[in-house]
Protein backbone atom coordinates (compact mmCIF):
# COMPACT_ATOMS: atom_id res chain seq x y z
CA UNK A 1 85.50 106.02 92.50
CA UNK A 2 86.36 106.37 96.29
CA UNK A 3 87.99 109.90 97.06
CA UNK A 4 90.15 107.80 99.45
CA UNK A 5 91.38 105.57 96.85
CA UNK A 6 92.28 108.74 94.22
CA UNK A 7 94.42 110.43 97.39
CA UNK A 8 96.33 107.41 97.80
CA UNK A 9 97.02 107.22 94.00
CA UNK A 10 98.10 110.72 93.99
CA UNK A 11 100.36 110.75 97.05
CA UNK A 12 101.77 107.36 95.94
CA UNK A 13 102.51 108.51 92.46
CA UNK A 14 103.53 112.49 93.58
CA UNK A 15 106.16 110.41 95.85
CA UNK A 16 107.83 108.12 93.23
CA UNK A 17 108.04 111.48 91.15
CA UNK A 18 109.80 113.59 94.02
CA UNK A 19 112.23 109.95 95.01
CA UNK A 20 113.35 109.89 91.46
CA UNK A 21 113.67 113.53 91.03
CA UNK A 22 116.06 113.58 94.38
CA UNK A 23 117.62 110.50 93.18
CA UNK A 24 118.61 112.04 89.91
CA UNK A 25 119.54 115.34 91.79
CA UNK A 26 121.76 113.55 94.04
CA UNK A 27 123.49 111.45 91.04
CA UNK A 28 123.98 114.55 88.94
CA UNK A 29 125.70 116.67 91.70
CA UNK A 30 125.62 120.61 91.40
CA UNK A 31 124.12 122.26 88.50
CA UNK A 32 120.75 122.53 86.87
CA UNK A 33 118.47 119.34 86.85
CA UNK A 34 114.75 120.04 84.93
CA UNK A 35 114.97 123.73 85.37
CA UNK A 36 115.83 123.43 88.70
CA UNK A 37 119.04 124.88 90.13
CA UNK A 38 120.99 122.40 92.69
CA UNK A 39 123.67 124.11 94.18
CA UNK A 40 124.83 121.47 96.88
CA UNK A 41 123.80 117.83 97.05
CA UNK A 42 122.37 118.68 100.60
CA UNK A 43 119.22 120.53 98.57
CA UNK A 44 118.45 117.22 97.91
CA UNK A 45 117.30 116.10 101.13
CA UNK A 46 113.81 118.11 100.71
CA UNK A 47 112.64 116.76 97.87
CA UNK A 48 113.86 113.10 99.15
CA UNK A 49 112.11 113.45 102.31
CA UNK A 50 108.94 115.11 100.99
CA UNK A 51 108.72 112.13 98.30
CA UNK A 52 109.07 109.80 101.38
CA UNK A 53 106.35 111.47 103.42
CA UNK A 54 104.03 111.39 100.10
CA UNK A 55 104.75 107.78 99.33
CA UNK A 56 104.31 106.26 102.96
CA UNK A 57 101.51 108.15 103.15
CA UNK A 58 99.99 106.81 100.00
CA UNK A 59 101.14 103.12 100.90
CA UNK A 60 99.64 103.80 104.44
CA UNK A 61 96.12 104.40 102.95
CA UNK A 62 96.35 101.92 100.10
CA UNK A 63 96.88 99.31 103.48
CA UNK A 64 93.95 100.43 105.27
CA UNK A 65 91.43 100.27 101.87
CA UNK A 66 92.74 96.52 101.64
CA UNK A 67 92.44 95.66 105.29
CA UNK A 68 88.85 96.61 105.24
CA UNK A 69 88.05 100.39 106.24
CA UNK A 70 89.65 103.51 106.62
CA UNK A 71 87.02 104.35 109.86
CA UNK A 72 86.28 102.38 112.81
CA UNK A 73 82.75 101.09 113.73
CA UNK A 74 81.82 100.60 116.99
CA UNK A 75 79.48 97.82 118.21
CA UNK A 76 76.44 98.82 119.97
């Protein structure tokens, strides 16, 4: 299995997990969620941003894998 495929899968799944956590934390409000203390709703921004970055990076890698290659080839 290609390392880029594995990395894309890991990024996409971790992005989905972080986005799910951020949504649950936002809905719950303040308190403790899965052992993490959430004092304000603003603290859910960090997992949301990291989740979006990881998720979009994984999708971008998948898109490049499906469209051909992740490296550019030059013609002589």
